């Protein structure tokens, strides 16, 4: 894959933690728990320091997780 093709693909398919949280409508703690429990798996993790990690997620996987969350919540209300 050429560099420009990769950049185009990444811009269309990868999202930041902030964007992923916005889609799932989760708090920081809830989102971190979802990642820790491997409900949402980062596509890429870059460890900047001991405390800071940059994570990118596949947008379609986050959207699918949101749909599952909606299904779980609907089932709990029954």
C-alpha atoms as a PDB file:
ATOM      1  CA  UNK A   1       0.000   0.000   0.000  1.00  0.00           C
ATOM      2  CA  UNK A   2       1.335   3.395  -0.942  1.00  0.00           C
ATOM      3  CA  UNK A   3       1.775   6.070   1.682  1.00  0.00           C
ATOM      4  CA  UNK A   4      -0.974   8.307   0.278  1.00  0.00           C
ATOM      5  CA  UNK A   5      -3.382   5.334   0.100  1.00  0.00           C
ATOM      6  CA  UNK A   6      -2.632   4.503   3.727  1.00  0.00           C
ATOM      7  CA  UNK A   7      -3.220   8.088   4.829  1.00  0.00           C
ATOM      8  CA  UNK A   8      -6.552   8.167   2.982  1.00  0.00           C
ATOM      9  CA  UNK A   9      -7.570   4.836   4.516  1.00  0.00           C
ATOM     10  CA  UNK A  10      -6.554   5.940   8.010  1.00  0.00           C
ATOM     11  CA  UNK A  11      -8.472   9.226   7.765  1.00  0.00           C
ATOM     12  CA  UNK A  12     -11.605   7.385   6.643  1.00  0.00           C
ATOM     13  CA  UNK A  13     -11.447   4.442   9.060  1.00  0.00           C
ATOM     14  CA  UNK A  14      -9.474   5.294  12.204  1.00  0.00           C
ATOM     15  CA  UNK A  15     -10.745   7.479  15.029  1.00  0.00           C
ATOM     16  CA  UNK A  16      -9.286   8.791  18.267  1.00  0.00           C
ATOM     17  CA  UNK A  17     -10.340   7.767  21.764  1.00  0.00           C
ATOM     18  CA  UNK A  18     -12.267  11.021  22.088  1.00  0.00           C
ATOM     19  CA  UNK A  19     -14.200  10.347  18.884  1.00  0.00           C
ATOM     20  CA  UNK A  20     -14.848   6.742  19.947  1.00  0.00           C
ATOM     21  CA  UNK A  21     -16.166   7.899  23.325  1.00  0.00           C
ATOM     22  CA  UNK A  22     -18.420  10.360  21.551  1.00  0.00           C
ATOM     23  CA  UNK A  23     -19.900   7.558  19.434  1.00  0.00           C
ATOM     24  CA  UNK A  24     -20.425   5.204  22.390  1.00  0.00           C
ATOM     25  CA  UNK A  25     -21.581   8.054  24.653  1.00  0.00           C
ATOM     26  CA  UNK A  26     -19.492   6.633  27.507  1.00  0.00           C
ATOM     27  CA  UNK A  27     -17.672   8.404  30.301  1.00  0.00           C
ATOM     28  CA  UNK A  28     -13.892   8.219  30.344  1.00  0.00           C
ATOM     29  CA  UNK A  29     -13.954   5.542  33.072  1.00  0.00           C
ATOM     30  CA  UNK A  30     -16.618   3.449  31.301  1.00  0.00           C
ATOM     31  CA  UNK A  31     -14.737   3.623  28.007  1.00  0.00           C
ATOM     32  CA  UNK A  32     -11.453   2.671  29.691  1.00  0.00           C
ATOM     33  CA  UNK A  33     -13.231  -0.313  31.254  1.00  0.00           C
ATOM     34  CA  UNK A  34     -14.548  -1.378  27.831  1.00  0.00           C
ATOM     35  CA  UNK A  35     -10.984  -1.272  26.468  1.00  0.00           C
ATOM     36  CA  UNK A  36      -9.584  -3.087  29.516  1.00  0.00           C
ATOM     37  CA  UNK A  37     -12.224  -5.835  29.151  1.00  0.00           C
ATOM     38  CA  UNK A  38     -11.451  -6.011  25.413  1.00  0.00           C
ATOM     39  CA  UNK A  39     -15.001  -5.071  24.421  1.00  0.00           C
ATOM     40  CA  UNK A  40     -13.351  -2.434  22.231  1.00  0.00           C
ATOM     41  CA  UNK A  41      -9.884  -3.268  20.908  1.00  0.00           C
ATOM     42  CA  UNK A  42      -7.614  -0.488  19.661  1.00  0.00           C
ATOM     43  CA  UNK A  43      -6.285  -0.830  16.128  1.00  0.00           C
ATOM     44  CA  UNK A  44      -3.094   0.962  17.187  1.00  0.00           C
ATOM     45  CA  UNK A  45      -1.558   1.828  20.548  1.00  0.00           C
ATOM     46  CA  UNK A  46       1.380   4.200  20.832  1.00  0.00           C
ATOM     47  CA  UNK A  47       2.903   4.516  24.278  1.00  0.00           C
ATOM     48  CA  UNK A  48       4.174   8.076  24.632  1.00  0.00           C
ATOM     49  CA  UNK A  49       5.155   7.816  28.272  1.00  0.00           C
ATOM     50  CA  UNK A  50       4.477   5.713  31.355  1.00  0.00           C
ATOM     51  CA  UNK A  51       1.023   7.282  31.746  1.00  0.00           C
ATOM     52  CA  UNK A  52       0.084   8.424  28.240  1.00  0.00           C
ATOM     53  CA  UNK A  53      -1.019   6.065  25.496  1.00  0.00           C
ATOM     54  CA  UNK A  54      -2.449   7.165  22.161  1.00  0.00           C
ATOM     55  CA  UNK A  55      -5.060   4.750  20.879  1.00  0.00           C
ATOM     56  CA  UNK A  56      -6.771   4.692  17.508  1.00  0.00           C
ATOM     57  CA  UNK A  57      -9.857   2.608  16.862  1.00  0.00           C
ATOM     58  CA  UNK A  58     -11.599   1.343  13.750  1.00  0.00           C
ATOM     59  CA  UNK A  59     -14.712   3.476  13.372  1.00  0.00           C
ATOM     60  CA  UNK A  60     -16.894   0.580  12.166  1.00  0.00           C
ATOM     61  CA  UNK A  61     -15.940  -1.546  15.199  1.00  0.00           C
ATOM     62  CA  UNK A  62     -16.818   1.272  17.603  1.00  0.00           C
ATOM     63  CA  UNK A  63     -20.150   1.792  15.848  1.00  0.00           C
ATOM     64  CA  UNK A  64     -20.851  -1.958  16.054  1.00  0.00           C
ATOM     65  CA  UNK A  65     -20.035  -1.883  19.773  1.00  0.00           C
ATOM     66  CA  UNK A  66     -22.446   1.011  20.234  1.00  0.00           C
ATOM     67  CA  UNK A  67     -25.174  -1.036  18.535  1.00  0.00           C
ATOM     68  CA  UNK A  68     -24.449  -3.952  20.904  1.00  0.00           C
ATOM     69  CA  UNK A  69     -24.626  -1.584  23.861  1.00  0.00           C
ATOM     70  CA  UNK A  70     -28.045  -0.407  22.664  1.00  0.00           C
ATOM     71  CA  UNK A  71     -29.202  -4.017  22.369  1.00  0.00           C
ATOM     72  CA  UNK A  72     -27.952  -4.825  25.899  1.00  0.00           C
ATOM     73  CA  UNK A  73     -29.698  -1.766  27.319  1.00  0.00           C
ATOM     74  CA  UNK A  74     -32.952  -2.619  25.540  1.00  0.00           C
ATOM     75  CA  UNK A  75     -32.792  -6.205  26.851  1.00  0.00           C
ATOM     76  CA  UNK A  76     -32.240  -4.973  30.432  1.00  0.00           C
ATOM     77  CA  UNK A  77     -35.355  -2.786  30.229  1.00  0.00           C
ATOM     78  CA  UNK A  78     -37.593  -5.754  29.392  1.00  0.00           C
END
